[in-house]
Amino acid sequence: NIDPGTAMSGFLNEIRTVPGVKDAALSSSIPGLGFNWNGAAIRKASDDPAQALRGVATYIDTAFATLYGLKLVAGKEFADVTTLEETDDEGPWKVIINETAAKNLGFTSPGEAVNESLDVGGYDALIIGVYKDFQWSSAHREQQNVVFGRTTTGGQISVRLTTNDFGEVIKSVQAKYNALFPGNVFNYRFVD
């Protein structure tokens, strides 16, 4: 039996070879469908737990920000985290937050938040970057405090196309999916 994370990474690489696919990214949730961790308590590690903010969190891979056009305003992208110390899974959870979270946590600028420690739902975290605020959910919803963690095994794949021949691309992607995940249902949706 193949590990599900390895299978998803393999499928992602297969998708990238399909003609008409510009790029693809893994995540644990996708824009428009909410986050996979709603109501996370977020606070500076040194702050009183009673002062925690309500926030949301999700996991993304190193291609996600580029695919969705997220703009880094301070710090590093997950793709730029390369040293052993930076990628050490034993240390604090490396996260990128949005501008709203940085402001609501009391940082005077996005840059001030970088390399600061957080407590996110009881987990030690280290801010490595800050994304410009963006609309993840409805445009009618107030901007949320967002925390992104890095994943290599997310359960959602987003694909950006370079063609208007959606039907042919979908057929090719579905064939690769069926070969790797026989018997599983192939679901997809469009985001504009």
Protein backbone atom coordinates (compact mmCIF):
# COMPACT_ATOMS: atom_id res chain seq x y z
CA ASN A 1 0.00 0.00 0.00
CA ILE A 2 1.28 3.44 -0.94
CA ASP A 3 1.25 6.26 1.59
CA PRO A 4 -1.62 8.72 0.76
CA GLY A 5 0.72 11.72 0.94
CA THR A 6 3.19 10.11 -1.45
CA ALA A 7 0.33 9.22 -3.77
CA MET A 8 -0.99 12.81 -3.80
CA SER A 9 2.50 14.20 -4.46
CA GLY A 10 2.91 11.72 -7.31
CA PHE A 11 -0.48 12.69 -8.72
CA LEU A 12 0.45 16.37 -8.50
CA ASN A 13 3.61 15.71 -10.50
CA GLU A 14 1.59 13.75 -13.09
CA ILE A 15 -0.90 16.62 -13.43
CA ARG A 16 1.93 19.04 -14.17
CA THR A 17 2.81 16.97 -17.26
CA VAL A 18 -0.67 17.33 -18.81
CA PRO A 19 -0.74 19.64 -21.85
CA GLY A 20 -2.68 22.77 -20.99
CA VAL A 21 -1.72 22.74 -17.30
CA LYS A 22 0.33 25.77 -16.29
CA ASP A 23 0.84 24.76 -12.64
CA ALA A 24 -0.68 22.79 -9.81
CA ALA A 25 -0.52 23.04 -6.02
CA LEU A 26 -1.46 20.98 -2.96
CA SER A 27 -3.38 22.27 0.03
CA SER A 28 -5.64 21.01 2.79
CA SER A 29 -8.45 23.37 1.74
CA ILE A 30 -9.13 25.69 -1.17
CA PRO A 31 -10.44 29.24 -1.55
CA GLY A 32 -14.21 29.41 -1.50
CA LEU A 33 -14.60 26.24 0.56
CA GLY A 34 -13.45 27.53 3.93
CA PHE A 35 -10.47 26.49 6.00
CA ASN A 36 -9.68 23.15 7.56
CA TRP A 37 -9.14 24.65 11.03
CA ASN A 38 -11.81 27.19 11.97
CA GLY A 39 -11.78 28.89 15.33
CA ALA A 40 -8.08 28.43 16.03
CA ALA A 41 -6.90 30.38 19.07
CA ILE A 42 -3.97 32.52 17.88
CA ARG A 43 -1.75 34.61 20.11
CA LYS A 44 1.81 35.79 20.57
CA ALA A 45 3.57 33.10 22.59
CA SER A 46 4.23 35.63 25.35
CA ASP A 47 0.61 36.85 25.56
CA ASP A 48 -2.04 35.77 28.03
CA PRO A 49 -4.04 32.83 26.58
CA ALA A 50 -7.22 34.73 27.46
CA GLN A 51 -6.19 37.35 24.87
CA ALA A 52 -6.03 34.90 21.96
CA LEU A 53 -7.61 35.89 18.66
CA ARG A 54 -10.05 33.71 16.79
CA GLY A 55 -8.54 32.66 13.50
CA VAL A 56 -8.43 30.06 10.78
CA ALA A 57 -5.63 27.86 9.47
CA THR A 58 -4.87 25.71 6.48
CA TYR A 59 -1.89 23.95 4.95
CA ILE A 60 -0.39 24.82 1.56
CA ASP A 61 2.57 23.62 -0.49
CA THR A 62 5.35 25.72 -1.98
CA ALA A 63 3.47 26.29 -5.28
CA PHE A 64 0.16 27.46 -3.77
CA ALA A 65 0.98 31.16 -3.26
CA THR A 66 2.16 31.62 -6.83
CA LEU A 67 -0.80 29.70 -8.28
CA TYR A 68 -3.31 31.88 -6.38
CA GLY A 69 -1.35 35.13 -6.62
CA LEU A 70 -0.70 35.57 -2.90
CA LYS A 71 1.78 38.39 -2.35
CA LEU A 72 4.41 38.19 0.36
CA VAL A 73 4.85 41.56 2.09
CA ALA A 74 7.47 40.47 4.66
CA GLY A 75 9.67 37.49 5.41
CA LYS A 76 10.01 34.30 3.37
CA GLU A 77 7.84 31.99 1.31
CA PHE A 78 7.79 28.30 2.23
CA ALA A 79 9.78 27.65 -0.99
CA ASP A 80 12.55 29.89 0.35
CA VAL A 81 12.93 27.97 3.61
CA THR A 82 15.90 25.76 2.89
CA THR A 83 18.30 25.52 5.80
CA LEU A 84 18.11 22.56 8.16
CA GLU A 85 17.16 24.85 11.05
CA GLU A 86 14.36 26.42 9.01
CA THR A 87 12.90 23.10 7.85
CA ASP A 88 13.39 21.23 11.13
CA ASP A 89 10.12 19.48 11.91
CA GLU A 90 11.17 19.14 15.55
CA GLY A 91 11.19 22.90 16.09
CA PRO A 92 8.19 25.20 16.12
CA TRP A 93 5.63 24.98 13.32
CA LYS A 94 6.74 27.40 10.56
CA VAL A 95 3.82 29.61 9.50
CA ILE A 96 2.94 32.49 7.24
CA ILE A 97 0.16 34.77 8.46
CA ASN A 98 -1.87 37.43 6.68
CA GLU A 99 -1.69 41.20 7.30
CA THR A 100 -4.92 41.15 9.31
CA ALA A 101 -3.49 38.59 11.74
CA ALA A 102 -0.24 40.58 12.05
CA LYS A 103 -2.16 43.76 12.82
CA ASN A 104 -4.59 42.10 15.23
CA LEU A 105 -1.71 40.41 17.06
CA GLY A 106 -0.33 43.88 17.78
CA PHE A 107 2.56 44.08 15.33
CA THR A 108 3.07 47.61 14.00
CA SER A 109 4.17 46.32 10.59
CA PRO A 110 4.25 42.99 8.76
CA GLY A 111 8.05 42.97 9.02
CA GLU A 112 7.86 43.21 12.81
CA ALA A 113 5.93 39.91 12.89
CA VAL A 114 8.64 37.91 11.10
CA ASN A 115 10.61 35.55 13.39
CA GLU A 116 8.15 36.07 16.23
CA SER A 117 6.74 33.12 18.15
CA LEU A 118 3.05 32.28 18.27
CA ASP A 119 0.79 29.83 20.00
CA VAL A 120 -1.75 28.50 17.50
CA GLY A 121 -4.28 26.27 19.17
CA GLY A 122 -1.69 25.06 21.67
CA TYR A 123 1.05 24.50 19.07
CA ASP A 124 4.31 26.46 19.10
CA ALA A 125 4.71 28.36 15.84
CA LEU A 126 7.26 30.68 14.28
CA ILE A 127 6.19 33.35 11.78
CA ILE A 128 8.42 33.17 8.70
CA GLY A 129 6.36 35.49 6.51
CA VAL A 130 3.29 37.68 6.06
CA TYR A 131 0.97 37.63 3.03
CA LYS A 132 -0.95 40.65 1.82
CA ASP A 133 -4.62 40.27 2.74
CA PHE A 134 -6.62 38.42 0.09
CA GLN A 135 -10.18 37.19 -0.30
CA TRP A 136 -10.41 33.47 0.56
CA SER A 137 -14.11 33.27 1.30
CA SER A 138 -17.02 35.49 0.26
CA ALA A 139 -16.26 39.12 -0.56
CA HIS A 140 -19.05 39.93 1.91
CA ARG A 141 -17.16 38.35 4.80
CA GLU A 142 -14.85 40.31 7.07
CA GLN A 143 -11.13 39.58 6.62
CA GLN A 144 -10.07 36.75 8.96
CA ASN A 145 -6.88 36.13 10.92
CA VAL A 146 -5.24 33.49 8.71
CA VAL A 147 -2.37 31.11 9.49
CA PHE A 148 -0.78 28.99 6.75
CA GLY A 149 1.35 25.97 7.50
CA ARG A 150 3.37 24.04 4.93
CA THR A 151 2.30 20.66 3.58
CA THR A 152 3.58 18.18 1.04
CA THR A 153 0.54 15.92 1.40
CA GLY A 154 -2.59 18.07 1.20
CA GLY A 155 -5.85 16.47 0.14
CA GLN A 156 -6.81 19.20 -2.36
CA ILE A 157 -5.12 19.96 -5.68
CA SER A 158 -5.57 23.27 -7.48
CA VAL A 159 -4.69 23.52 -11.16
CA ARG A 160 -4.15 26.61 -13.33
CA LEU A 161 -4.73 26.05 -17.03
CA THR A 162 -3.21 27.68 -20.12
CA THR A 163 -5.97 26.50 -22.44
CA ASN A 164 -9.69 26.90 -22.98
CA ASP A 165 -9.99 23.20 -23.82
CA PHE A 166 -11.12 22.31 -20.31
CA GLY A 167 -12.74 19.05 -21.41
CA GLU A 168 -9.52 17.58 -22.79
CA VAL A 169 -7.48 18.60 -19.74
CA ILE A 170 -10.11 17.18 -17.37
CA LYS A 171 -10.13 13.88 -19.31
CA SER A 172 -6.33 13.64 -19.09
CA VAL A 173 -6.23 14.51 -15.39
CA GLN A 174 -9.06 12.06 -14.65
CA ALA A 175 -7.24 9.27 -16.48
CA LYS A 176 -4.13 9.87 -14.36
CA TYR A 177 -6.29 10.00 -11.21
CA ASN A 178 -8.05 6.74 -12.06
CA ALA A 179 -4.70 5.04 -12.68
CA LEU A 180 -3.33 6.14 -9.29
CA PHE A 181 -6.55 5.90 -7.24
CA PRO A 182 -8.64 3.13 -8.85
CA GLY A 183 -12.19 2.95 -7.53
CA ASN A 184 -12.13 6.43 -5.98
CA VAL A 185 -14.50 9.12 -7.17
CA PHE A 186 -12.91 11.92 -9.23
CA ASN A 187 -14.35 15.31 -8.18
CA TYR A 188 -13.47 18.73 -9.53
CA ARG A 189 -14.79 22.29 -9.53
CA PHE A 190 -13.89 25.55 -11.18
CA VAL A 191 -12.70 28.70 -9.41
CA ASP A 192 -12.42 31.96 -11.28
